[in-house]
Structure formats: C-alpha cells, structure tokens
Amino acid sequence: MSTLAMHRYEIRLREDRHGVDLISEILPFGWLWYGEPNAVSNATSYAKLCSCSHDAVIRVYDEAGNLIETHEEGGDSTGRAMSMSKRRRS
C-alpha cells in the first residue's frame, strides 16, 4: 500500500466505557462516537466507506490499549481488496 495517500483510523474504547471512538485526521472533527451494541462493526464500516478511493488501515484496540484487529483496505474505483488480521491475547 502507498503511504502517501493512506487513511489511518483507530477504534478505541471510550474512557467512560459507553461505546467506542473512531479517530482519524481524515474525519472533520477528528473523531466520531459510536455507542450502540455493534459499535466496533459500525465504526469499521464507516471508516471503509470514507476511504473508498484511498488505501486505508483501520486498527482496533482493546480497553488496555492493545492492538486486537487490523483491517487494510486497498482503494480503487473498481473494487476493493480487504484483509483483516486478528491478534489474540495469550
């Protein structure tokens, strides 16, 4: 993936434990709050939608700040390849 036009997103549990924040320089206010039961999935989907024509990496962190998922998107207009890796705590 090209690093010049890459969009970077982080999904982190809120300190008050009421949902997650989607954080990125790409977003108009720097972050969005998701509070519904499937907040991580919705935040990931929104980040993918915002990055449809750019390479993107979406990182999901647990409550301790450990990286638990990485989604990489290759942006193009014909179709997008997506890969995801999950890291499990041992």
C-alpha atoms as a PDB file:
ATOM      1  CA  MET A   1       0.000   0.000   0.000  1.00  0.00           C
ATOM      2  CA  SER A   2       1.116   3.510  -0.674  1.00  0.00           C
ATOM      3  CA  THR A   3       1.859   5.532   2.431  1.00  0.00           C
ATOM      4  CA  LEU A   4       1.336   8.922   0.770  1.00  0.00           C
ATOM      5  CA  ALA A   5      -2.460   8.836   0.487  1.00  0.00           C
ATOM      6  CA  MET A   6      -3.143   6.280   3.206  1.00  0.00           C
ATOM      7  CA  HIS A   7      -6.002   6.987   5.572  1.00  0.00           C
ATOM      8  CA  ARG A   8      -5.359   5.839   9.133  1.00  0.00           C
ATOM      9  CA  TYR A   9      -8.107   5.105  11.641  1.00  0.00           C
ATOM     10  CA  GLU A  10      -8.149   3.952  15.249  1.00  0.00           C
ATOM     11  CA  ILE A  11     -11.110   2.453  17.070  1.00  0.00           C
ATOM     12  CA  ARG A  12     -10.732   2.765  20.832  1.00  0.00           C
ATOM     13  CA  LEU A  13     -12.991   2.055  23.801  1.00  0.00           C
ATOM     14  CA  ARG A  14     -14.160   5.266  25.445  1.00  0.00           C
ATOM     15  CA  GLU A  15     -12.892   6.025  28.938  1.00  0.00           C
ATOM     16  CA  ASP A  16     -16.470   6.109  30.238  1.00  0.00           C
ATOM     17  CA  ARG A  17     -16.976   2.636  28.648  1.00  0.00           C
ATOM     18  CA  HIS A  18     -20.025   3.875  26.721  1.00  0.00           C
ATOM     19  CA  GLY A  19     -19.134   2.860  23.204  1.00  0.00           C
ATOM     20  CA  VAL A  20     -16.067   3.489  21.076  1.00  0.00           C
ATOM     21  CA  ASP A  21     -14.403   6.411  19.348  1.00  0.00           C
ATOM     22  CA  LEU A  22     -13.394   6.285  15.682  1.00  0.00           C
ATOM     23  CA  ILE A  23     -10.322   8.520  15.479  1.00  0.00           C
ATOM     24  CA  SER A  24      -8.640   9.879  12.337  1.00  0.00           C
ATOM     25  CA  GLU A  25      -7.174  13.047  10.861  1.00  0.00           C
ATOM     26  CA  ILE A  26      -9.475  12.403   7.893  1.00  0.00           C
ATOM     27  CA  LEU A  27     -12.661  12.963   9.916  1.00  0.00           C
ATOM     28  CA  PRO A  28     -13.998  16.543  10.085  1.00  0.00           C
ATOM     29  CA  PHE A  29     -13.751  16.800  13.897  1.00  0.00           C
ATOM     30  CA  GLY A  30     -11.011  14.203  14.398  1.00  0.00           C
ATOM     31  CA  TRP A  31     -13.295  11.551  15.909  1.00  0.00           C
ATOM     32  CA  LEU A  32     -16.790  10.045  15.924  1.00  0.00           C
ATOM     33  CA  TRP A  33     -18.568   8.348  18.814  1.00  0.00           C
ATOM     34  CA  TYR A  34     -20.393   5.031  18.398  1.00  0.00           C
ATOM     35  CA  GLY A  35     -22.483   3.819  21.332  1.00  0.00           C
ATOM     36  CA  GLU A  36     -24.672   1.007  20.031  1.00  0.00           C
ATOM     37  CA  PRO A  37     -24.046  -2.695  20.785  1.00  0.00           C
ATOM     38  CA  ASN A  38     -22.296  -3.254  17.415  1.00  0.00           C
ATOM     39  CA  ALA A  39     -20.251  -0.041  17.651  1.00  0.00           C
ATOM     40  CA  VAL A  40     -16.929  -1.538  16.521  1.00  0.00           C
ATOM     41  CA  SER A  41     -18.501  -3.047  13.403  1.00  0.00           C
ATOM     42  CA  ASN A  42     -20.295   0.198  12.545  1.00  0.00           C
ATOM     43  CA  ALA A  43     -17.153   2.290  13.094  1.00  0.00           C
ATOM     44  CA  THR A  44     -15.133  -0.080  10.895  1.00  0.00           C
ATOM     45  CA  SER A  45     -17.769   0.064   8.144  1.00  0.00           C
ATOM     46  CA  TYR A  46     -17.829   3.873   8.236  1.00  0.00           C
ATOM     47  CA  ALA A  47     -14.029   4.071   8.017  1.00  0.00           C
ATOM     48  CA  LYS A  48     -14.091   1.733   4.997  1.00  0.00           C
ATOM     49  CA  LEU A  49     -16.771   3.879   3.352  1.00  0.00           C
ATOM     50  CA  CYS A  50     -14.788   7.093   3.939  1.00  0.00           C
ATOM     51  CA  SER A  51     -11.700   5.512   2.386  1.00  0.00           C
ATOM     52  CA  CYS A  52     -13.292   4.036  -0.729  1.00  0.00           C
ATOM     53  CA  SER A  53     -10.777   5.658  -3.097  1.00  0.00           C
ATOM     54  CA  HIS A  54      -7.729   5.585  -0.804  1.00  0.00           C
ATOM     55  CA  ASP A  55      -5.548   2.988   0.820  1.00  0.00           C
ATOM     56  CA  ALA A  56      -6.505   2.695   4.482  1.00  0.00           C
ATOM     57  CA  VAL A  57      -5.559   0.933   7.655  1.00  0.00           C
ATOM     58  CA  ILE A  58      -8.079   0.565  10.484  1.00  0.00           C
ATOM     59  CA  ARG A  59      -6.735  -0.502  13.868  1.00  0.00           C
ATOM     60  CA  VAL A  60      -8.975  -1.729  16.689  1.00  0.00           C
ATOM     61  CA  TYR A  61      -7.682  -1.539  20.260  1.00  0.00           C
ATOM     62  CA  ASP A  62      -8.973  -3.206  23.431  1.00  0.00           C
ATOM     63  CA  GLU A  63      -9.598  -1.496  26.777  1.00  0.00           C
ATOM     64  CA  ALA A  64      -5.923  -1.903  27.785  1.00  0.00           C
ATOM     65  CA  GLY A  65      -4.734  -0.211  24.578  1.00  0.00           C
ATOM     66  CA  ASN A  66      -3.547  -3.422  22.912  1.00  0.00           C
ATOM     67  CA  LEU A  67      -3.995  -3.789  19.157  1.00  0.00           C
ATOM     68  CA  ILE A  68      -6.507  -6.605  18.578  1.00  0.00           C
ATOM     69  CA  GLU A  69      -7.553  -6.196  14.900  1.00  0.00           C
ATOM     70  CA  THR A  70      -6.123  -4.610  11.793  1.00  0.00           C
ATOM     71  CA  HIS A  71      -8.104  -4.014   8.608  1.00  0.00           C
ATOM     72  CA  GLU A  72      -6.228  -2.961   5.472  1.00  0.00           C
ATOM     73  CA  GLU A  73      -8.092  -1.542   2.511  1.00  0.00           C
ATOM     74  CA  GLY A  74      -6.728  -1.063  -0.984  1.00  0.00           C
ATOM     75  CA  GLY A  75      -8.600   1.838  -2.528  1.00  0.00           C
ATOM     76  CA  ASP A  76      -9.637   1.821  -6.163  1.00  0.00           C
ATOM     77  CA  SER A  77     -12.744   2.556  -8.140  1.00  0.00           C
ATOM     78  CA  THR A  78     -13.402  -0.953  -9.493  1.00  0.00           C
ATOM     79  CA  GLY A  79     -13.411  -2.951  -6.299  1.00  0.00           C
ATOM     80  CA  ARG A  80     -11.575  -3.112  -3.054  1.00  0.00           C
ATOM     81  CA  ALA A  81      -9.488  -5.827  -1.575  1.00  0.00           C
ATOM     82  CA  MET A  82      -9.729  -6.133   2.174  1.00  0.00           C
ATOM     83  CA  SER A  83      -7.595  -8.097   4.512  1.00  0.00           C
ATOM     84  CA  MET A  84      -8.042  -8.415   8.237  1.00  0.00           C
ATOM     85  CA  SER A  85      -5.856  -9.858  10.904  1.00  0.00           C
ATOM     86  CA  LYS A  86      -6.862 -10.558  14.480  1.00  0.00           C
ATOM     87  CA  ARG A  87      -4.440 -10.822  17.318  1.00  0.00           C
ATOM     88  CA  ARG A  88      -5.425 -12.880  20.282  1.00  0.00           C
ATOM     89  CA  ARG A  89      -4.123 -12.306  23.746  1.00  0.00           C
ATOM     90  CA  SER A  90      -2.318 -15.292  25.211  1.00  0.00           C
END
